[in-house]
Amino acid sequence: LKKENKQLKKENEQLKKELGFNLKTWNDYILYVGRDGKQRTSREIFNEIELMETKPWASDAKTPESTCSATCGTLFSKNKLFKTNDSPHKYFILLS
């Protein structure tokens, strides 16, 4: 698992460099993670961001997972993400 996480982190950083992404805000990071078209919960999106070298939160942030969830909801309301009505977990998918 540790080796897999390290490989995913390496791939994420390489893709970021190749695509020239300049990720600054929560929106940028969440939309970047969703670019592959996979459906994920806000927790899964948060986990992907956590693997990245840079993050949209400060090291002393107390609730980055909650912020990720709230931002996913905001992106849904702005028609950037699609949200399923699955229970108990909601899934988000990037809208193109």
PDB file of N, CA and C in Angstrom:
ATOM      1  N   LEU A   1       0.833  -1.197   0.000  1.00  0.00           N
ATOM      2  CA  LEU A   1       0.000   0.000   0.000  1.00  0.00           C
ATOM      3  C   LEU A   1       0.873   1.254   0.000  1.00  0.00           C
ATOM      4  N   LYS A   2       1.948   1.214   0.781  1.00  0.00           N
ATOM      5  CA  LYS A   2       2.851   2.361   0.854  1.00  0.00           C
ATOM      6  C   LYS A   2       3.505   2.603  -0.512  1.00  0.00           C
ATOM      7  N   LYS A   3       3.899   1.505  -1.163  1.00  0.00           N
ATOM      8  CA  LYS A   3       4.519   1.600  -2.484  1.00  0.00           C
ATOM      9  C   LYS A   3       3.516   2.151  -3.501  1.00  0.00           C
ATOM     10  N   GLU A   4       2.257   1.692  -3.413  1.00  0.00           N
ATOM     11  CA  GLU A   4       1.211   2.161  -4.318  1.00  0.00           C
ATOM     12  C   GLU A   4       0.946   3.658  -4.126  1.00  0.00           C
ATOM     13  N   ASN A   5       0.871   4.107  -2.877  1.00  0.00           N
ATOM     14  CA  ASN A   5       0.677   5.538  -2.598  1.00  0.00           C
ATOM     15  C   ASN A   5       1.821   6.370  -3.147  1.00  0.00           C
ATOM     16  N   LYS A   6       3.032   5.880  -2.982  1.00  0.00           N
ATOM     17  CA  LYS A   6       4.205   6.599  -3.481  1.00  0.00           C
ATOM     18  C   LYS A   6       4.151   6.706  -5.010  1.00  0.00           C
ATOM     19  N   GLN A   7       3.745   5.611  -5.670  1.00  0.00           N
ATOM     20  CA  GLN A   7       3.635   5.608  -7.132  1.00  0.00           C
ATOM     21  C   GLN A   7       2.542   6.568  -7.599  1.00  0.00           C
ATOM     22  N   LEU A   8       1.390   6.572  -6.919  1.00  0.00           N
ATOM     23  CA  LEU A   8       0.302   7.487  -7.280  1.00  0.00           C
ATOM     24  C   LEU A   8       0.725   8.932  -7.104  1.00  0.00           C
ATOM     25  N   LYS A   9       1.438   9.212  -6.030  1.00  0.00           N
ATOM     26  CA  LYS A   9       1.925  10.575  -5.791  1.00  0.00           C
ATOM     27  C   LYS A   9       2.874  11.001  -6.915  1.00  0.00           C
ATOM     28  N   LYS A  10       3.742  10.107  -7.306  1.00  0.00           N
ATOM     29  CA  LYS A  10       4.699  10.389  -8.382  1.00  0.00           C
ATOM     30  C   LYS A  10       3.961  10.646  -9.704  1.00  0.00           C
ATOM     31  N   GLU A  11       2.963   9.812 -10.004  1.00  0.00           N
ATOM     32  CA  GLU A  11       2.177   9.980 -11.233  1.00  0.00           C
ATOM     33  C   GLU A  11       1.401  11.296 -11.217  1.00  0.00           C
ATOM     34  N   ASN A  12       0.803  11.644 -10.081  1.00  0.00           N
ATOM     35  CA  ASN A  12       0.066  12.902  -9.962  1.00  0.00           C
ATOM     36  C   ASN A  12       0.969  14.093 -10.226  1.00  0.00           C
ATOM     37  N   GLU A  13       2.133  14.085  -9.633  1.00  0.00           N
ATOM     38  CA  GLU A  13       3.055  15.207  -9.805  1.00  0.00           C
ATOM     39  C   GLU A  13       3.554  15.291 -11.244  1.00  0.00           C
ATOM     40  N   GLN A  14       3.807  14.139 -11.859  1.00  0.00           N
ATOM     41  CA  GLN A  14       4.263  14.128 -13.251  1.00  0.00           C
ATOM     42  C   GLN A  14       3.175  14.675 -14.171  1.00  0.00           C
ATOM     43  N   LEU A  15       1.943  14.253 -13.958  1.00  0.00           N
ATOM     44  CA  LEU A  15       0.835  14.756 -14.771  1.00  0.00           C
ATOM     45  C   LEU A  15       0.665  16.257 -14.595  1.00  0.00           C
ATOM     46  N   LYS A  16       0.798  16.716 -13.377  1.00  0.00           N
ATOM     47  CA  LYS A  16       0.668  18.141 -13.105  1.00  0.00           C
ATOM     48  C   LYS A  16       1.721  18.929 -13.878  1.00  0.00           C
ATOM     49  N   LYS A  17       2.941  18.416 -13.899  1.00  0.00           N
ATOM     50  CA  LYS A  17       4.015  19.090 -14.632  1.00  0.00           C
ATOM     51  C   LYS A  17       3.752  19.054 -16.135  1.00  0.00           C
ATOM     52  N   GLU A  18       3.333  17.904 -16.645  1.00  0.00           N
ATOM     53  CA  GLU A  18       3.081  17.749 -18.074  1.00  0.00           C
ATOM     54  C   GLU A  18       1.953  18.657 -18.561  1.00  0.00           C
ATOM     55  N   LEU A  19       0.922  18.758 -17.767  1.00  0.00           N
ATOM     56  CA  LEU A  19      -0.243  19.533 -18.178  1.00  0.00           C
ATOM     57  C   LEU A  19      -0.121  21.019 -17.844  1.00  0.00           C
ATOM     58  N   GLY A  20       0.894  21.376 -17.099  1.00  0.00           N
ATOM     59  CA  GLY A  20       1.113  22.773 -16.764  1.00  0.00           C
ATOM     60  C   GLY A  20       0.067  23.340 -15.820  1.00  0.00           C
ATOM     61  N   PHE A  21      -0.526  22.493 -14.995  1.00  0.00           N
ATOM     62  CA  PHE A  21      -1.538  22.958 -14.053  1.00  0.00           C
ATOM     63  C   PHE A  21      -0.891  23.795 -12.965  1.00  0.00           C
ATOM     64  N   ASN A  22      -1.537  24.895 -12.646  1.00  0.00           N
ATOM     65  CA  ASN A  22      -1.117  25.721 -11.524  1.00  0.00           C
ATOM     66  C   ASN A  22      -2.268  25.692 -10.528  1.00  0.00           C
ATOM     67  N   LEU A  23      -2.200  24.753  -9.619  1.00  0.00           N
ATOM     68  CA  LEU A  23      -3.287  24.545  -8.677  1.00  0.00           C
ATOM     69  C   LEU A  23      -3.113  25.468  -7.478  1.00  0.00           C
ATOM     70  N   LYS A  24      -4.143  26.267  -7.218  1.00  0.00           N
ATOM     71  CA  LYS A  24      -4.070  27.213  -6.103  1.00  0.00           C
ATOM     72  C   LYS A  24      -5.227  27.052  -5.129  1.00  0.00           C
ATOM     73  N   THR A  25      -6.436  26.928  -5.635  1.00  0.00           N
ATOM     74  CA  THR A  25      -7.618  26.916  -4.778  1.00  0.00           C
ATOM     75  C   THR A  25      -8.169  25.498  -4.630  1.00  0.00           C
ATOM     76  N   TRP A  26      -9.078  25.343  -3.657  1.00  0.00           N
ATOM     77  CA  TRP A  26      -9.766  24.061  -3.495  1.00  0.00           C
ATOM     78  C   TRP A  26     -10.436  23.659  -4.810  1.00  0.00           C
ATOM     79  N   ASN A  27     -11.092  24.608  -5.451  1.00  0.00           N
ATOM     80  CA  ASN A  27     -11.766  24.307  -6.724  1.00  0.00           C
ATOM     81  C   ASN A  27     -10.782  23.714  -7.721  1.00  0.00           C
ATOM     82  N   ASP A  28      -9.609  24.337  -7.861  1.00  0.00           N
ATOM     83  CA  ASP A  28      -8.592  23.860  -8.802  1.00  0.00           C
ATOM     84  C   ASP A  28      -8.221  22.403  -8.514  1.00  0.00           C
ATOM     85  N   TYR A  29      -7.952  22.113  -7.249  1.00  0.00           N
ATOM     86  CA  TYR A  29      -7.533  20.762  -6.865  1.00  0.00           C
ATOM     87  C   TYR A  29      -8.634  19.740  -7.110  1.00  0.00           C
ATOM     88  N   ILE A  30      -9.853  20.065  -6.714  1.00  0.00           N
ATOM     89  CA  ILE A  30     -10.964  19.116  -6.874  1.00  0.00           C
ATOM     90  C   ILE A  30     -11.244  18.851  -8.354  1.00  0.00           C
ATOM     91  N   LEU A  31     -11.263  19.888  -9.156  1.00  0.00           N
ATOM     92  CA  LEU A  31     -11.502  19.710 -10.588  1.00  0.00           C
ATOM     93  C   LEU A  31     -10.344  18.958 -11.238  1.00  0.00           C
ATOM     94  N   TYR A  32      -9.134  19.184 -10.759  1.00  0.00           N
ATOM     95  CA  TYR A  32      -7.964  18.461 -11.277  1.00  0.00           C
ATOM     96  C   TYR A  32      -8.092  16.962 -10.994  1.00  0.00           C
ATOM     97  N   VAL A  33      -8.494  16.619  -9.779  1.00  0.00           N
ATOM     98  CA  VAL A  33      -8.667  15.204  -9.419  1.00  0.00           C
ATOM     99  C   VAL A  33      -9.763  14.577 -10.278  1.00  0.00           C
ATOM    100  N   GLY A  34     -10.811  15.320 -10.559  1.00  0.00           N
ATOM    101  CA  GLY A  34     -11.935  14.779 -11.319  1.00  0.00           C
ATOM    102  C   GLY A  34     -11.727  14.679 -12.810  1.00  0.00           C
ATOM    103  N   ARG A  35     -10.596  15.117 -13.299  1.00  0.00           N
ATOM    104  CA  ARG A  35     -10.361  15.158 -14.747  1.00  0.00           C
ATOM    105  C   ARG A  35     -10.406  13.785 -15.407  1.00  0.00           C
ATOM    106  N   ASP A  36     -10.219  12.701 -14.638  1.00  0.00           N
ATOM    107  CA  ASP A  36     -10.237  11.357 -15.220  1.00  0.00           C
ATOM    108  C   ASP A  36     -11.648  10.808 -15.404  1.00  0.00           C
ATOM    109  N   GLY A  37     -12.660  11.541 -14.939  1.00  0.00           N
ATOM    110  CA  GLY A  37     -14.043  11.129 -15.151  1.00  0.00           C
ATOM    111  C   GLY A  37     -14.554  10.066 -14.195  1.00  0.00           C
ATOM    112  N   LYS A  38     -13.759   9.666 -13.204  1.00  0.00           N
ATOM    113  CA  LYS A  38     -14.206   8.660 -12.233  1.00  0.00           C
ATOM    114  C   LYS A  38     -15.099   9.310 -11.191  1.00  0.00           C
ATOM    115  N   GLN A  39     -16.076   8.545 -10.707  1.00  0.00           N
ATOM    116  CA  GLN A  39     -16.910   9.059  -9.623  1.00  0.00           C
ATOM    117  C   GLN A  39     -16.217   8.751  -8.302  1.00  0.00           C
ATOM    118  N   ARG A  40     -16.231   9.736  -7.414  1.00  0.00           N
ATOM    119  CA  ARG A  40     -15.586   9.602  -6.110  1.00  0.00           C
ATOM    120  C   ARG A  40     -16.426  10.310  -5.055  1.00  0.00           C
ATOM    121  N   THR A  41     -16.299   9.839  -3.823  1.00  0.00           N
ATOM    122  CA  THR A  41     -16.894  10.572  -2.703  1.00  0.00           C
ATOM    123  C   THR A  41     -15.984  11.759  -2.409  1.00  0.00           C
ATOM    124  N   SER A  42     -16.466  12.699  -1.615  1.00  0.00           N
ATOM    125  CA  SER A  42     -15.614  13.830  -1.254  1.00  0.00           C
ATOM    126  C   SER A  42     -14.400  13.337  -0.461  1.00  0.00           C
ATOM    127  N   ARG A  43     -14.558  12.282   0.314  1.00  0.00           N
ATOM    128  CA  ARG A  43     -13.427  11.713   1.070  1.00  0.00           C
ATOM    129  C   ARG A  43     -12.384  11.146   0.108  1.00  0.00           C
ATOM    130  N   GLU A  44     -12.822  10.464  -0.933  1.00  0.00           N
ATOM    131  CA  GLU A  44     -11.889   9.914  -1.915  1.00  0.00           C
ATOM    132  C   GLU A  44     -11.159  11.037  -2.660  1.00  0.00           C
ATOM    133  N   ILE A  45     -11.867  12.111  -2.957  1.00  0.00           N
ATOM    134  CA  ILE A  45     -11.242  13.275  -3.591  1.00  0.00           C
ATOM    135  C   ILE A  45     -10.195  13.857  -2.644  1.00  0.00           C
ATOM    136  N   PHE A  46     -10.553  14.005  -1.372  1.00  0.00           N
ATOM    137  CA  PHE A  46      -9.623  14.501  -0.366  1.00  0.00           C
ATOM    138  C   PHE A  46      -8.380  13.617  -0.286  1.00  0.00           C
ATOM    139  N   ASN A  47      -8.572  12.305  -0.302  1.00  0.00           N
ATOM    140  CA  ASN A  47      -7.439  11.368  -0.232  1.00  0.00           C
ATOM    141  C   ASN A  47      -6.495  11.551  -1.425  1.00  0.00           C
ATOM    142  N   GLU A  48      -7.041  11.776  -2.610  1.00  0.00           N
ATOM    143  CA  GLU A  48      -6.210  12.015  -3.798  1.00  0.00           C
ATOM    144  C   GLU A  48      -5.398  13.298  -3.633  1.00  0.00           C
ATOM    145  N   ILE A  49      -6.041  14.335  -3.129  1.00  0.00           N
ATOM    146  CA  ILE A  49      -5.341  15.613  -2.930  1.00  0.00           C
ATOM    147  C   ILE A  49      -4.252  15.452  -1.874  1.00  0.00           C
ATOM    148  N   GLU A  50      -4.540  14.662  -0.856  1.00  0.00           N
ATOM    149  CA  GLU A  50      -3.573  14.456   0.221  1.00  0.00           C
ATOM    150  C   GLU A  50      -2.283  13.800  -0.286  1.00  0.00           C
ATOM    151  N   LEU A  51      -2.368  13.052  -1.368  1.00  0.00           N
ATOM    152  CA  LEU A  51      -1.186  12.410  -1.953  1.00  0.00           C
ATOM    153  C   LEU A  51      -0.302  13.394  -2.727  1.00  0.00           C
ATOM    154  N   MET A  52      -0.852  14.547  -3.063  1.00  0.00           N
ATOM    155  CA  MET A  52      -0.104  15.515  -3.864  1.00  0.00           C
ATOM    156  C   MET A  52       0.956  16.223  -3.029  1.00  0.00           C
ATOM    157  N   GLU A  53       1.967  16.693  -3.715  1.00  0.00           N
ATOM    158  CA  GLU A  53       3.060  17.390  -3.037  1.00  0.00           C
ATOM    159  C   GLU A  53       2.583  18.697  -2.400  1.00  0.00           C
ATOM    160  N   THR A  54       1.782  19.462  -3.139  1.00  0.00           N
ATOM    161  CA  THR A  54       1.222  20.697  -2.590  1.00  0.00           C
ATOM    162  C   THR A  54      -0.268  20.483  -2.332  1.00  0.00           C
ATOM    163  N   LYS A  55      -0.790  21.238  -1.388  1.00  0.00           N
ATOM    164  CA  LYS A  55      -2.193  21.083  -0.998  1.00  0.00           C
ATOM    165  C   LYS A  55      -2.853  22.446  -0.882  1.00  0.00           C
ATOM    166  N   PRO A  56      -4.193  22.494  -0.988  1.00  0.00           N
ATOM    167  CA  PRO A  56      -4.878  23.777  -0.894  1.00  0.00           C
ATOM    168  C   PRO A  56      -5.136  24.237   0.541  1.00  0.00           C
ATOM    169  N   TRP A  57      -4.586  23.534   1.521  1.00  0.00           N
ATOM    170  CA  TRP A  57      -4.790  23.930   2.907  1.00  0.00           C
ATOM    171  C   TRP A  57      -3.441  24.138   3.595  1.00  0.00           C
ATOM    172  N   ALA A  58      -3.474  24.954   4.634  1.00  0.00           N
ATOM    173  CA  ALA A  58      -2.274  25.214   5.433  1.00  0.00           C
ATOM    174  C   ALA A  58      -2.002  24.016   6.342  1.00  0.00           C
ATOM    175  N   SER A  59      -0.755  23.876   6.754  1.00  0.00           N
ATOM    176  CA  SER A  59      -0.381  22.735   7.596  1.00  0.00           C
ATOM    177  C   SER A  59      -1.117  22.726   8.941  1.00  0.00           C
ATOM    178  N   ASP A  60      -1.603  23.891   9.384  1.00  0.00           N
ATOM    179  CA  ASP A  60      -2.321  23.950  10.658  1.00  0.00           C
ATOM    180  C   ASP A  60      -3.847  23.919  10.496  1.00  0.00           C
ATOM    181  N   ALA A  61      -4.323  23.608   9.286  1.00  0.00           N
ATOM    182  CA  ALA A  61      -5.768  23.541   9.036  1.00  0.00           C
ATOM    183  C   ALA A  61      -6.395  22.455   9.910  1.00  0.00           C
ATOM    184  N   LYS A  62      -7.522  22.769  10.512  1.00  0.00           N
ATOM    185  CA  LYS A  62      -8.157  21.835  11.435  1.00  0.00           C
ATOM    186  C   LYS A  62      -9.160  20.896  10.752  1.00  0.00           C
ATOM    187  N   THR A  63      -9.795  21.336   9.677  1.00  0.00           N
ATOM    188  CA  THR A  63     -10.843  20.511   9.057  1.00  0.00           C
ATOM    189  C   THR A  63     -10.748  20.494   7.525  1.00  0.00           C
ATOM    190  N   PRO A  64      -9.587  20.123   6.965  1.00  0.00           N
ATOM    191  CA  PRO A  64      -9.494  20.151   5.503  1.00  0.00           C
ATOM    192  C   PRO A  64     -10.459  19.184   4.807  1.00  0.00           C
ATOM    193  N   GLU A  65     -10.767  18.052   5.440  1.00  0.00           N
ATOM    194  CA  GLU A  65     -11.704  17.107   4.822  1.00  0.00           C
ATOM    195  C   GLU A  65     -13.099  17.716   4.726  1.00  0.00           C
ATOM    196  N   SER A  66     -13.517  18.420   5.757  1.00  0.00           N
ATOM    197  CA  SER A  66     -14.828  19.082   5.735  1.00  0.00           C
ATOM    198  C   SER A  66     -14.862  20.190   4.690  1.00  0.00           C
ATOM    199  N   THR A  67     -13.771  20.908   4.554  1.00  0.00           N
ATOM    200  CA  THR A  67     -13.681  21.959   3.541  1.00  0.00           C
ATOM    201  C   THR A  67     -13.785  21.355   2.148  1.00  0.00           C
ATOM    202  N   CYS A  68     -13.156  20.212   1.946  1.00  0.00           N
ATOM    203  CA  CYS A  68     -13.239  19.525   0.657  1.00  0.00           C
ATOM    204  C   CYS A  68     -14.684  19.145   0.358  1.00  0.00           C
ATOM    205  N   SER A  69     -15.366  18.593   1.335  1.00  0.00           N
ATOM    206  CA  SER A  69     -16.761  18.189   1.164  1.00  0.00           C
ATOM    207  C   SER A  69     -17.639  19.395   0.826  1.00  0.00           C
ATOM    208  N   ALA A  70     -17.452  20.498   1.552  1.00  0.00           N
ATOM    209  CA  ALA A  70     -18.245  21.703   1.305  1.00  0.00           C
ATOM    210  C   ALA A  70     -17.961  22.273  -0.084  1.00  0.00           C
ATOM    211  N   THR A  71     -16.695  22.232  -0.491  1.00  0.00           N
ATOM    212  CA  THR A  71     -16.329  22.755  -1.807  1.00  0.00           C
ATOM    213  C   THR A  71     -16.911  21.877  -2.913  1.00  0.00           C
ATOM    214  N   CYS A  72     -16.947  20.568  -2.712  1.00  0.00           N
ATOM    215  CA  CYS A  72     -17.589  19.679  -3.691  1.00  0.00           C
ATOM    216  C   CYS A  72     -19.057  20.062  -3.845  1.00  0.00           C
ATOM    217  N   GLY A  73     -19.724  20.342  -2.733  1.00  0.00           N
ATOM    218  CA  GLY A  73     -21.125  20.771  -2.778  1.00  0.00           C
ATOM    219  C   GLY A  73     -21.294  22.079  -3.523  1.00  0.00           C
ATOM    220  N   THR A  74     -20.379  23.013  -3.316  1.00  0.00           N
ATOM    221  CA  THR A  74     -20.422  24.297  -4.020  1.00  0.00           C
ATOM    222  C   THR A  74     -20.214  24.097  -5.515  1.00  0.00           C
ATOM    223  N   LEU A  75     -19.253  23.249  -5.881  1.00  0.00           N
ATOM    224  CA  LEU A  75     -19.005  22.979  -7.308  1.00  0.00           C
ATOM    225  C   LEU A  75     -20.209  22.294  -7.953  1.00  0.00           C
ATOM    226  N   PHE A  76     -20.923  21.467  -7.186  1.00  0.00           N
ATOM    227  CA  PHE A  76     -22.159  20.867  -7.686  1.00  0.00           C
ATOM    228  C   PHE A  76     -23.196  21.960  -7.957  1.00  0.00           C
ATOM    229  N   SER A  77     -23.338  22.888  -7.028  1.00  0.00           N
ATOM    230  CA  SER A  77     -24.338  23.947  -7.196  1.00  0.00           C
ATOM    231  C   SER A  77     -23.990  24.892  -8.348  1.00  0.00           C
ATOM    232  N   LYS A  78     -22.708  24.933  -8.707  1.00  0.00           N
ATOM    233  CA  LYS A  78     -22.263  25.769  -9.832  1.00  0.00           C
ATOM    234  C   LYS A  78     -22.168  24.984 -11.142  1.00  0.00           C
ATOM    235  N   ASN A  79     -22.724  23.760 -11.136  1.00  0.00           N
ATOM    236  CA  ASN A  79     -22.740  22.886 -12.325  1.00  0.00           C
ATOM    237  C   ASN A  79     -21.360  22.536 -12.852  1.00  0.00           C
ATOM    238  N   LYS A  80     -20.408  22.379 -11.944  1.00  0.00           N
ATOM    239  CA  LYS A  80     -19.061  21.930 -12.321  1.00  0.00           C
ATOM    240  C   LYS A  80     -18.905  20.435 -12.038  1.00  0.00           C
ATOM    241  N   LEU A  81     -19.632  19.949 -11.021  1.00  0.00           N
ATOM    242  CA  LEU A  81     -19.626  18.540 -10.661  1.00  0.00           C
ATOM    243  C   LEU A  81     -21.052  18.023 -10.659  1.00  0.00           C
ATOM    244  N   PHE A  82     -21.202  16.731 -10.967  1.00  0.00           N
ATOM    245  CA  PHE A  82     -22.484  16.054 -10.839  1.00  0.00           C
ATOM    246  C   PHE A  82     -22.445  15.291  -9.521  1.00  0.00           C
ATOM    247  N   LYS A  83     -23.550  15.287  -8.785  1.00  0.00           N
ATOM    248  CA  LYS A  83     -23.627  14.573  -7.512  1.00  0.00           C
ATOM    249  C   LYS A  83     -24.714  13.518  -7.612  1.00  0.00           C
ATOM    250  N   THR A  84     -24.379  12.290  -7.231  1.00  0.00           N
ATOM    251  CA  THR A  84     -25.373  11.223  -7.226  1.00  0.00           C
ATOM    252  C   THR A  84     -26.212  11.323  -5.951  1.00  0.00           C
ATOM    253  N   ASN A  85     -27.325  10.652  -5.942  1.00  0.00           N
ATOM    254  CA  ASN A  85     -28.175  10.607  -4.749  1.00  0.00           C
ATOM    255  C   ASN A  85     -28.014   9.292  -4.006  1.00  0.00           C
ATOM    256  N   ASP A  86     -26.882   8.632  -4.212  1.00  0.00           N
ATOM    257  CA  ASP A  86     -26.626   7.360  -3.535  1.00  0.00           C
ATOM    258  C   ASP A  86     -26.631   7.550  -2.024  1.00  0.00           C
ATOM    259  N   SER A  87     -27.029   6.518  -1.324  1.00  0.00           N
ATOM    260  CA  SER A  87     -27.041   6.572   0.128  1.00  0.00           C
ATOM    261  C   SER A  87     -26.259   5.379   0.655  1.00  0.00           C
ATOM    262  N   PRO A  88     -25.431   5.501   1.648  1.00  0.00           N
ATOM    263  CA  PRO A  88     -25.237   6.673   2.486  1.00  0.00           C
ATOM    264  C   PRO A  88     -24.190   7.659   1.937  1.00  0.00           C
ATOM    265  N   HIS A  89     -23.518   7.312   0.861  1.00  0.00           N
ATOM    266  CA  HIS A  89     -22.462   8.179   0.333  1.00  0.00           C
ATOM    267  C   HIS A  89     -22.901   8.852  -0.958  1.00  0.00           C
ATOM    268  N   LYS A  90     -22.558  10.109  -1.092  1.00  0.00           N
ATOM    269  CA  LYS A  90     -22.790  10.852  -2.333  1.00  0.00           C
ATOM    270  C   LYS A  90     -21.507  10.777  -3.157  1.00  0.00           C
ATOM    271  N   TYR A  91     -21.643  10.605  -4.446  1.00  0.00           N
ATOM    272  CA  TYR A  91     -20.482  10.557  -5.332  1.00  0.00           C
ATOM    273  C   TYR A  91     -20.506  11.767  -6.242  1.00  0.00           C
ATOM    274  N   PHE A  92     -19.322  12.260  -6.548  1.00  0.00           N
ATOM    275  CA  PHE A  92     -19.180  13.413  -7.431  1.00  0.00           C
ATOM    276  C   PHE A  92     -18.436  12.988  -8.686  1.00  0.00           C
ATOM    277  N   ILE A  93     -18.849  13.560  -9.807  1.00  0.00           N
ATOM    278  CA  ILE A  93     -18.240  13.303 -11.113  1.00  0.00           C
ATOM    279  C   ILE A  93     -18.073  14.639 -11.801  1.00  0.00           C
ATOM    280  N   LEU A  94     -16.928  14.847 -12.427  1.00  0.00           N
ATOM    281  CA  LEU A  94     -16.663  16.090 -13.140  1.00  0.00           C
ATOM    282  C   LEU A  94     -17.591  16.199 -14.356  1.00  0.00           C
ATOM    283  N   LEU A  95     -18.230  17.334 -14.520  1.00  0.00           N
ATOM    284  CA  LEU A  95     -19.016  17.599 -15.714  1.00  0.00           C
ATOM    285  C   LEU A  95     -18.119  18.300 -16.724  1.00  0.00           C
ATOM    286  N   SER A  96     -18.141  17.843 -17.979  1.00  0.00           N
ATOM    287  CA  SER A  96     -17.254  18.466 -18.964  1.00  0.00           C
ATOM    288  C   SER A  96     -17.880  19.674 -19.598  1.00  0.00           C
TER     289      SER A  96
END
